Amino acid sequence: MYSILDNINEHLPRVNGVTFSKFYIEDAFAIEGGEFSGLSTQKMVGVRKMLDNQSNHGFAVTCLLHGEPVAVFGCCKLWDGVGEMWSVIGDTARRRPIATTKVGIAFTDICKLSMDLHRLQITVKTTDLRAIKWARAIGFISECTMKQYSMDKYDYDLMVRR
């Protein structure tokens, strides 16, 4: 499979001060306003395992603004033709919604093309209306609600992009 990481900066939109690099798990936890602040140690271990597993079964990138991580994007192949994308987006990236949306659209396109996917899916917490709105902006539609999906028993929407 073509390694998208070899020249990722050539494929994602150019934004002043923004570069992309190989993903390291620590990047996800260094993002200001990321979703992992306040997690218990036990839950943090589970999140680290999930990110490690997903990034090792696909590809992932860190979005840096002036050298600081502001978002991470990843995609793992579930089986032939089907992939699952994930992201962690911090407050700094959220303050640049147009640039973040352009990167999100480009990343989904890269996932679909480089992994030859006919279905790309994401899971979004049903109460996170901002994330659901952003997922729709990058081309995902809600398919169903998964009841008590998370380790905290929260409901999540399964969203797809075909």
N, C-alpha and C. Protein backbone atom coordinates (compact mmCIF):
# COMPACT_ATOMS: atom_id res chain seq x y z
N MET A 1 0.84 -1.18 0.00
CA MET A 1 0.00 0.00 0.00
C MET A 1 0.89 1.24 0.00
N TYR A 2 0.49 2.22 -0.75
CA TYR A 2 1.17 3.50 -0.81
C TYR A 2 1.23 4.12 0.58
N SER A 3 2.40 4.56 1.00
CA SER A 3 2.52 5.18 2.31
C SER A 3 2.23 6.66 2.21
N ILE A 4 1.07 7.04 2.65
CA ILE A 4 0.65 8.44 2.59
C ILE A 4 1.55 9.32 3.44
N LEU A 5 2.18 8.74 4.45
CA LEU A 5 3.03 9.53 5.34
C LEU A 5 4.31 10.00 4.67
N ASP A 6 4.69 9.34 3.56
CA ASP A 6 5.93 9.71 2.89
C ASP A 6 5.93 11.16 2.43
N ASN A 7 4.78 11.65 2.00
CA ASN A 7 4.71 13.04 1.53
C ASN A 7 3.35 13.65 1.85
N ILE A 8 2.93 13.51 3.10
CA ILE A 8 1.60 13.96 3.52
C ILE A 8 1.41 15.45 3.30
N ASN A 9 2.44 16.25 3.48
CA ASN A 9 2.30 17.70 3.33
C ASN A 9 1.97 18.11 1.90
N GLU A 10 2.25 17.25 0.92
CA GLU A 10 1.92 17.54 -0.46
C GLU A 10 0.44 17.29 -0.75
N HIS A 11 -0.24 16.51 0.06
CA HIS A 11 -1.61 16.10 -0.21
C HIS A 11 -2.67 16.85 0.59
N LEU A 12 -2.28 17.46 1.68
CA LEU A 12 -3.25 18.18 2.51
C LEU A 12 -3.16 19.67 2.23
N PRO A 13 -4.25 20.41 2.46
CA PRO A 13 -4.27 21.84 2.12
C PRO A 13 -3.16 22.62 2.80
N ARG A 14 -2.64 23.59 2.08
CA ARG A 14 -1.62 24.46 2.63
C ARG A 14 -2.29 25.58 3.42
N VAL A 15 -1.90 25.69 4.67
CA VAL A 15 -2.39 26.73 5.55
C VAL A 15 -1.18 27.34 6.23
N ASN A 16 -1.12 28.66 6.28
CA ASN A 16 0.03 29.35 6.84
C ASN A 16 0.34 28.85 8.26
N GLY A 17 1.58 28.39 8.46
CA GLY A 17 2.02 27.92 9.77
C GLY A 17 1.68 26.48 10.09
N VAL A 18 0.94 25.79 9.19
CA VAL A 18 0.50 24.42 9.46
C VAL A 18 1.37 23.43 8.71
N THR A 19 1.80 22.40 9.43
CA THR A 19 2.50 21.26 8.83
C THR A 19 1.89 19.98 9.40
N PHE A 20 2.19 18.89 8.75
CA PHE A 20 1.69 17.58 9.18
C PHE A 20 2.88 16.67 9.37
N SER A 21 2.81 15.83 10.40
CA SER A 21 3.91 14.91 10.67
C SER A 21 3.35 13.56 11.09
N LYS A 22 4.24 12.60 11.21
CA LYS A 22 3.85 11.28 11.69
C LYS A 22 3.22 11.42 13.07
N PHE A 23 2.19 10.64 13.32
CA PHE A 23 1.48 10.68 14.59
C PHE A 23 2.22 9.91 15.67
N TYR A 24 2.31 10.51 16.83
CA TYR A 24 2.78 9.84 18.04
C TYR A 24 1.67 9.98 19.08
N ILE A 25 1.44 8.95 19.85
CA ILE A 25 0.34 8.95 20.81
C ILE A 25 0.38 10.18 21.72
N GLU A 26 1.56 10.60 22.12
CA GLU A 26 1.68 11.76 23.01
C GLU A 26 1.08 13.01 22.39
N ASP A 27 1.07 13.08 21.04
CA ASP A 27 0.49 14.25 20.36
C ASP A 27 -0.97 14.43 20.72
N ALA A 28 -1.72 13.35 20.80
CA ALA A 28 -3.16 13.43 21.09
C ALA A 28 -3.41 13.99 22.49
N PHE A 29 -2.51 13.71 23.41
CA PHE A 29 -2.69 14.17 24.79
C PHE A 29 -2.10 15.56 25.01
N ALA A 30 -1.33 16.06 24.04
CA ALA A 30 -0.73 17.38 24.15
C ALA A 30 -1.60 18.48 23.55
N ILE A 31 -2.70 18.10 22.93
CA ILE A 31 -3.57 19.07 22.25
C ILE A 31 -4.37 19.86 23.28
N GLU A 32 -4.23 21.19 23.23
CA GLU A 32 -4.97 22.07 24.14
C GLU A 32 -6.46 21.96 23.86
N GLY A 33 -7.23 21.66 24.91
CA GLY A 33 -8.68 21.55 24.75
C GLY A 33 -9.11 20.24 24.11
N GLY A 34 -8.20 19.28 24.04
CA GLY A 34 -8.53 17.97 23.49
C GLY A 34 -9.48 17.23 24.42
N GLU A 35 -10.03 16.16 23.94
CA GLU A 35 -11.09 15.48 24.68
C GLU A 35 -10.61 14.57 25.80
N PHE A 36 -9.29 14.50 26.03
CA PHE A 36 -8.80 13.54 27.01
C PHE A 36 -8.45 14.16 28.36
N SER A 37 -8.58 15.47 28.49
CA SER A 37 -8.25 16.08 29.78
C SER A 37 -9.28 15.64 30.82
N GLY A 38 -8.81 15.33 32.00
CA GLY A 38 -9.70 14.95 33.08
C GLY A 38 -10.06 13.48 33.14
N LEU A 39 -9.53 12.67 32.23
CA LEU A 39 -9.81 11.24 32.29
C LEU A 39 -9.07 10.59 33.44
N SER A 40 -9.66 9.59 34.03
CA SER A 40 -8.99 8.84 35.08
C SER A 40 -7.83 8.05 34.47
N THR A 41 -6.90 7.62 35.30
CA THR A 41 -5.75 6.86 34.83
C THR A 41 -6.20 5.58 34.12
N GLN A 42 -7.19 4.91 34.67
CA GLN A 42 -7.67 3.67 34.07
C GLN A 42 -8.24 3.93 32.67
N LYS A 43 -9.03 4.98 32.53
CA LYS A 43 -9.60 5.30 31.22
C LYS A 43 -8.51 5.77 30.25
N MET A 44 -7.52 6.49 30.77
CA MET A 44 -6.42 6.96 29.93
C MET A 44 -5.66 5.78 29.33
N VAL A 45 -5.46 4.72 30.11
CA VAL A 45 -4.79 3.52 29.61
C VAL A 45 -5.60 2.93 28.45
N GLY A 46 -6.92 2.86 28.61
CA GLY A 46 -7.79 2.34 27.56
C GLY A 46 -7.73 3.18 26.29
N VAL A 47 -7.71 4.50 26.44
CA VAL A 47 -7.64 5.40 25.29
C VAL A 47 -6.30 5.23 24.58
N ARG A 48 -5.22 5.16 25.34
CA ARG A 48 -3.89 4.97 24.74
C ARG A 48 -3.83 3.67 23.93
N LYS A 49 -4.40 2.58 24.49
CA LYS A 49 -4.41 1.30 23.78
C LYS A 49 -5.21 1.41 22.48
N MET A 50 -6.36 2.09 22.54
CA MET A 50 -7.20 2.24 21.35
C MET A 50 -6.45 3.03 20.27
N LEU A 51 -5.84 4.17 20.66
CA LEU A 51 -5.11 4.98 19.68
C LEU A 51 -3.92 4.22 19.10
N ASP A 52 -3.22 3.48 19.95
CA ASP A 52 -2.08 2.69 19.48
C ASP A 52 -2.55 1.63 18.48
N ASN A 53 -3.63 0.94 18.79
CA ASN A 53 -4.16 -0.09 17.92
C ASN A 53 -4.61 0.51 16.58
N GLN A 54 -5.38 1.58 16.64
CA GLN A 54 -5.89 2.17 15.40
C GLN A 54 -4.77 2.76 14.54
N SER A 55 -3.82 3.42 15.16
CA SER A 55 -2.74 4.01 14.36
C SER A 55 -1.81 2.96 13.78
N ASN A 56 -1.70 1.80 14.42
CA ASN A 56 -0.86 0.72 13.90
C ASN A 56 -1.54 -0.13 12.83
N HIS A 57 -2.85 0.03 12.66
CA HIS A 57 -3.60 -0.73 11.66
C HIS A 57 -4.14 0.17 10.55
N GLY A 58 -3.44 1.22 10.29
CA GLY A 58 -3.81 2.17 9.26
C GLY A 58 -2.74 3.23 9.20
N PHE A 59 -3.17 4.48 9.18
CA PHE A 59 -2.21 5.56 9.25
C PHE A 59 -2.79 6.71 10.03
N ALA A 60 -1.92 7.55 10.55
CA ALA A 60 -2.35 8.69 11.35
C ALA A 60 -1.34 9.81 11.18
N VAL A 61 -1.84 11.05 11.28
CA VAL A 61 -0.98 12.22 11.17
C VAL A 61 -1.32 13.20 12.28
N THR A 62 -0.32 13.98 12.62
CA THR A 62 -0.50 15.08 13.57
C THR A 62 -0.47 16.38 12.80
N CYS A 63 -1.43 17.23 13.07
CA CYS A 63 -1.49 18.56 12.48
C CYS A 63 -0.83 19.52 13.47
N LEU A 64 0.20 20.20 13.01
CA LEU A 64 0.95 21.12 13.87
C LEU A 64 0.73 22.55 13.39
N LEU A 65 0.51 23.47 14.31
CA LEU A 65 0.45 24.89 13.99
C LEU A 65 1.64 25.53 14.69
N HIS A 66 2.57 26.04 13.90
CA HIS A 66 3.81 26.63 14.43
C HIS A 66 4.51 25.67 15.38
N GLY A 67 4.51 24.37 14.99
CA GLY A 67 5.23 23.35 15.74
C GLY A 67 4.48 22.73 16.91
N GLU A 68 3.29 23.23 17.22
CA GLU A 68 2.50 22.68 18.34
C GLU A 68 1.35 21.84 17.81
N PRO A 69 1.12 20.64 18.37
CA PRO A 69 0.00 19.81 17.91
C PRO A 69 -1.35 20.47 18.22
N VAL A 70 -2.20 20.56 17.19
CA VAL A 70 -3.53 21.14 17.36
C VAL A 70 -4.63 20.15 16.99
N ALA A 71 -4.27 19.09 16.26
CA ALA A 71 -5.24 18.06 15.88
C ALA A 71 -4.49 16.82 15.42
N VAL A 72 -5.16 15.69 15.52
CA VAL A 72 -4.64 14.45 14.95
C VAL A 72 -5.76 13.79 14.16
N PHE A 73 -5.38 13.14 13.08
CA PHE A 73 -6.32 12.43 12.22
C PHE A 73 -5.77 11.06 11.94
N GLY A 74 -6.64 10.06 11.94
CA GLY A 74 -6.19 8.71 11.64
C GLY A 74 -7.29 7.90 10.97
N CYS A 75 -6.88 6.80 10.39
CA CYS A 75 -7.83 5.90 9.74
C CYS A 75 -7.26 4.49 9.79
N CYS A 76 -8.11 3.54 10.17
CA CYS A 76 -7.69 2.15 10.16
C CYS A 76 -8.65 1.37 9.28
N LYS A 77 -8.12 0.37 8.63
CA LYS A 77 -8.92 -0.49 7.76
C LYS A 77 -9.53 -1.59 8.60
N LEU A 78 -10.85 -1.68 8.59
CA LEU A 78 -11.53 -2.74 9.33
C LEU A 78 -11.47 -4.05 8.56
N TRP A 79 -11.72 -3.98 7.27
CA TRP A 79 -11.58 -5.09 6.33
C TRP A 79 -11.63 -4.48 4.95
N ASP A 80 -11.44 -5.29 3.90
CA ASP A 80 -11.38 -4.76 2.55
C ASP A 80 -12.58 -3.88 2.25
N GLY A 81 -12.29 -2.65 1.86
CA GLY A 81 -13.33 -1.72 1.45
C GLY A 81 -13.94 -0.89 2.55
N VAL A 82 -13.65 -1.20 3.82
CA VAL A 82 -14.27 -0.48 4.94
C VAL A 82 -13.19 0.02 5.89
N GLY A 83 -13.26 1.31 6.20
CA GLY A 83 -12.32 1.92 7.13
C GLY A 83 -13.03 2.74 8.17
N GLU A 84 -12.32 2.98 9.26
CA GLU A 84 -12.86 3.83 10.32
C GLU A 84 -11.88 4.97 10.57
N MET A 85 -12.39 6.18 10.45
CA MET A 85 -11.57 7.37 10.67
C MET A 85 -11.78 7.87 12.09
N TRP A 86 -10.78 8.51 12.63
CA TRP A 86 -10.87 9.10 13.95
C TRP A 86 -10.08 10.40 13.98
N SER A 87 -10.41 11.25 14.92
CA SER A 87 -9.68 12.51 15.05
C SER A 87 -9.80 13.03 16.47
N VAL A 88 -8.83 13.84 16.83
CA VAL A 88 -8.87 14.62 18.07
C VAL A 88 -8.55 16.04 17.64
N ILE A 89 -9.47 16.95 17.90
CA ILE A 89 -9.33 18.33 17.45
C ILE A 89 -9.35 19.24 18.67
N GLY A 90 -8.32 20.07 18.80
CA GLY A 90 -8.21 20.96 19.95
C GLY A 90 -8.82 22.32 19.71
N ASP A 91 -8.79 23.14 20.74
CA ASP A 91 -9.38 24.48 20.69
C ASP A 91 -8.74 25.36 19.62
N THR A 92 -7.43 25.28 19.46
CA THR A 92 -6.74 26.11 18.46
C THR A 92 -7.25 25.79 17.06
N ALA A 93 -7.39 24.52 16.74
CA ALA A 93 -7.89 24.12 15.41
C ALA A 93 -9.36 24.53 15.26
N ARG A 94 -10.13 24.44 16.33
CA ARG A 94 -11.54 24.83 16.26
C ARG A 94 -11.71 26.32 15.97
N ARG A 95 -10.73 27.11 16.37
CA ARG A 95 -10.79 28.55 16.09
C ARG A 95 -10.47 28.87 14.64
N ARG A 96 -10.09 27.84 13.88
CA ARG A 96 -9.82 27.98 12.44
C ARG A 96 -10.71 26.99 11.69
N PRO A 97 -12.04 27.18 11.74
CA PRO A 97 -12.96 26.18 11.22
C PRO A 97 -12.85 25.92 9.72
N ILE A 98 -12.57 26.93 8.94
CA ILE A 98 -12.48 26.72 7.49
C ILE A 98 -11.26 25.85 7.17
N ALA A 99 -10.12 26.19 7.75
CA ALA A 99 -8.90 25.40 7.51
C ALA A 99 -9.06 23.99 8.03
N THR A 100 -9.64 23.83 9.22
CA THR A 100 -9.81 22.50 9.80
C THR A 100 -10.77 21.66 8.96
N THR A 101 -11.81 22.28 8.44
CA THR A 101 -12.76 21.56 7.59
C THR A 101 -12.11 21.15 6.27
N LYS A 102 -11.30 22.02 5.68
CA LYS A 102 -10.59 21.66 4.44
C LYS A 102 -9.65 20.48 4.68
N VAL A 103 -8.95 20.49 5.80
CA VAL A 103 -8.06 19.38 6.13
C VAL A 103 -8.89 18.10 6.34
N GLY A 104 -10.00 18.20 7.03
CA GLY A 104 -10.86 17.04 7.27
C GLY A 104 -11.38 16.43 5.97
N ILE A 105 -11.83 17.27 5.05
CA ILE A 105 -12.31 16.77 3.76
C ILE A 105 -11.18 16.10 2.99
N ALA A 106 -10.03 16.76 2.95
CA ALA A 106 -8.88 16.19 2.23
C ALA A 106 -8.45 14.87 2.86
N PHE A 107 -8.44 14.80 4.19
CA PHE A 107 -8.02 13.57 4.86
C PHE A 107 -8.99 12.43 4.55
N THR A 108 -10.29 12.70 4.55
CA THR A 108 -11.25 11.64 4.22
C THR A 108 -11.05 11.16 2.79
N ASP A 109 -10.78 12.10 1.88
CA ASP A 109 -10.52 11.71 0.49
C ASP A 109 -9.27 10.84 0.39
N ILE A 110 -8.22 11.21 1.11
CA ILE A 110 -6.98 10.43 1.13
C ILE A 110 -7.24 9.03 1.66
N CYS A 111 -8.00 8.93 2.73
CA CYS A 111 -8.33 7.62 3.32
C CYS A 111 -9.03 6.75 2.29
N LYS A 112 -10.06 7.29 1.66
CA LYS A 112 -10.85 6.50 0.71
C LYS A 112 -10.01 6.06 -0.48
N LEU A 113 -9.20 6.96 -1.02
CA LEU A 113 -8.40 6.63 -2.20
C LEU A 113 -7.24 5.70 -1.87
N SER A 114 -6.47 6.02 -0.83
CA SER A 114 -5.26 5.24 -0.55
C SER A 114 -5.57 3.85 0.00
N MET A 115 -6.74 3.69 0.64
CA MET A 115 -7.10 2.39 1.20
C MET A 115 -8.17 1.68 0.36
N ASP A 116 -8.54 2.29 -0.76
CA ASP A 116 -9.55 1.73 -1.67
C ASP A 116 -10.83 1.37 -0.92
N LEU A 117 -11.42 2.39 -0.27
CA LEU A 117 -12.60 2.17 0.57
C LEU A 117 -13.88 2.52 -0.17
N HIS A 118 -14.90 1.70 0.00
CA HIS A 118 -16.23 2.07 -0.47
C HIS A 118 -17.07 2.61 0.68
N ARG A 119 -16.57 2.43 1.91
CA ARG A 119 -17.27 2.94 3.10
C ARG A 119 -16.24 3.42 4.11
N LEU A 120 -16.43 4.64 4.57
CA LEU A 120 -15.60 5.21 5.62
C LEU A 120 -16.55 5.62 6.74
N GLN A 121 -16.27 5.20 7.97
CA GLN A 121 -17.19 5.50 9.06
C GLN A 121 -16.46 6.15 10.22
N ILE A 122 -17.25 6.84 11.05
CA ILE A 122 -16.76 7.45 12.28
C ILE A 122 -17.83 7.25 13.35
N THR A 123 -17.43 7.37 14.60
CA THR A 123 -18.39 7.36 15.70
C THR A 123 -18.28 8.72 16.40
N VAL A 124 -19.45 9.30 16.71
CA VAL A 124 -19.49 10.62 17.33
C VAL A 124 -20.48 10.57 18.49
N LYS A 125 -20.07 11.06 19.63
CA LYS A 125 -20.94 11.10 20.80
C LYS A 125 -22.20 11.90 20.46
N THR A 126 -23.36 11.33 20.74
CA THR A 126 -24.63 11.95 20.33
C THR A 126 -24.85 13.32 20.95
N THR A 127 -24.26 13.57 22.10
CA THR A 127 -24.44 14.87 22.76
C THR A 127 -23.45 15.93 22.27
N ASP A 128 -22.48 15.54 21.46
CA ASP A 128 -21.47 16.49 20.96
C ASP A 128 -21.96 17.08 19.63
N LEU A 129 -22.87 18.03 19.73
CA LEU A 129 -23.49 18.60 18.54
C LEU A 129 -22.49 19.30 17.63
N ARG A 130 -21.45 19.91 18.21
CA ARG A 130 -20.42 20.56 17.41
C ARG A 130 -19.69 19.53 16.54
N ALA A 131 -19.36 18.36 17.12
CA ALA A 131 -18.67 17.32 16.36
C ALA A 131 -19.57 16.73 15.28
N ILE A 132 -20.85 16.56 15.58
CA ILE A 132 -21.78 16.04 14.58
C ILE A 132 -21.91 17.03 13.41
N LYS A 133 -22.00 18.30 13.73
CA LYS A 133 -22.09 19.33 12.68
C LYS A 133 -20.83 19.32 11.81
N TRP A 134 -19.66 19.18 12.44
CA TRP A 134 -18.41 19.16 11.68
C TRP A 134 -18.33 17.90 10.82
N ALA A 135 -18.76 16.77 11.37
CA ALA A 135 -18.74 15.52 10.60
C ALA A 135 -19.61 15.66 9.34
N ARG A 136 -20.75 16.29 9.48
CA ARG A 136 -21.62 16.53 8.31
C ARG A 136 -20.93 17.46 7.32
N ALA A 137 -20.21 18.46 7.83
CA ALA A 137 -19.51 19.41 6.94
C ALA A 137 -18.43 18.72 6.11
N ILE A 138 -17.85 17.64 6.63
CA ILE A 138 -16.82 16.94 5.85
C ILE A 138 -17.38 15.73 5.11
N GLY A 139 -18.71 15.63 5.06
CA GLY A 139 -19.34 14.66 4.17
C GLY A 139 -19.93 13.41 4.79
N PHE A 140 -20.01 13.34 6.10
CA PHE A 140 -20.56 12.15 6.75
C PHE A 140 -22.06 12.34 7.00
N ILE A 141 -22.80 11.23 6.97
CA ILE A 141 -24.22 11.24 7.31
C ILE A 141 -24.46 10.22 8.42
N SER A 142 -25.44 10.51 9.26
CA SER A 142 -25.77 9.60 10.37
C SER A 142 -26.45 8.35 9.82
N GLU A 143 -26.01 7.20 10.30
CA GLU A 143 -26.61 5.93 9.88
C GLU A 143 -27.46 5.33 11.00
N CYS A 144 -26.96 5.38 12.24
CA CYS A 144 -27.71 4.83 13.36
C CYS A 144 -27.10 5.35 14.66
N THR A 145 -27.81 5.11 15.75
CA THR A 145 -27.30 5.43 17.08
C THR A 145 -26.96 4.13 17.78
N MET A 146 -25.76 4.09 18.32
CA MET A 146 -25.30 2.91 19.06
C MET A 146 -25.46 3.21 20.55
N LYS A 147 -26.37 2.52 21.17
CA LYS A 147 -26.70 2.75 22.58
C LYS A 147 -25.59 2.24 23.49
N GLN A 148 -25.22 3.05 24.47
CA GLN A 148 -24.21 2.73 25.48
C GLN A 148 -22.93 2.18 24.84
N TYR A 149 -22.47 2.82 23.80
CA TYR A 149 -21.32 2.35 23.03
C TYR A 149 -19.99 2.52 23.74
N SER A 150 -19.83 3.60 24.48
CA SER A 150 -18.52 3.90 25.07
C SER A 150 -18.31 3.20 26.41
N MET A 151 -17.09 3.28 26.92
CA MET A 151 -16.79 2.68 28.22
C MET A 151 -17.58 3.36 29.33
N ASP A 152 -18.04 4.60 29.09
CA ASP A 152 -18.87 5.31 30.06
C ASP A 152 -20.36 5.14 29.77
N LYS A 153 -20.68 4.27 28.83
CA LYS A 153 -22.06 3.94 28.45
C LYS A 153 -22.78 5.10 27.77
N TYR A 154 -22.03 5.98 27.09
CA TYR A 154 -22.66 7.05 26.32
C TYR A 154 -23.12 6.51 24.97
N ASP A 155 -24.16 7.13 24.44
CA ASP A 155 -24.64 6.79 23.10
C ASP A 155 -23.78 7.50 22.07
N TYR A 156 -23.54 6.82 20.93
CA TYR A 156 -22.75 7.40 19.85
C TYR A 156 -23.51 7.20 18.52
N ASP A 157 -23.37 8.19 17.64
CA ASP A 157 -23.89 8.04 16.28
C ASP A 157 -22.82 7.38 15.43
N LEU A 158 -23.23 6.41 14.63
CA LEU A 158 -22.36 5.85 13.61
C LEU A 158 -22.64 6.66 12.36
N MET A 159 -21.62 7.32 11.84
CA MET A 159 -21.77 8.17 10.66
C MET A 159 -20.90 7.61 9.55
N VAL A 160 -21.38 7.72 8.31
CA VAL A 160 -20.68 7.13 7.17
C VAL A 160 -20.49 8.14 6.06
N ARG A 161 -19.47 7.88 5.29
CA ARG A 161 -19.23 8.61 4.04
C ARG A 161 -18.92 7.56 3.00
N ARG A 162 -19.73 7.55 1.95
CA ARG A 162 -19.56 6.56 0.90
C ARG A 162 -18.89 7.18 -0.30
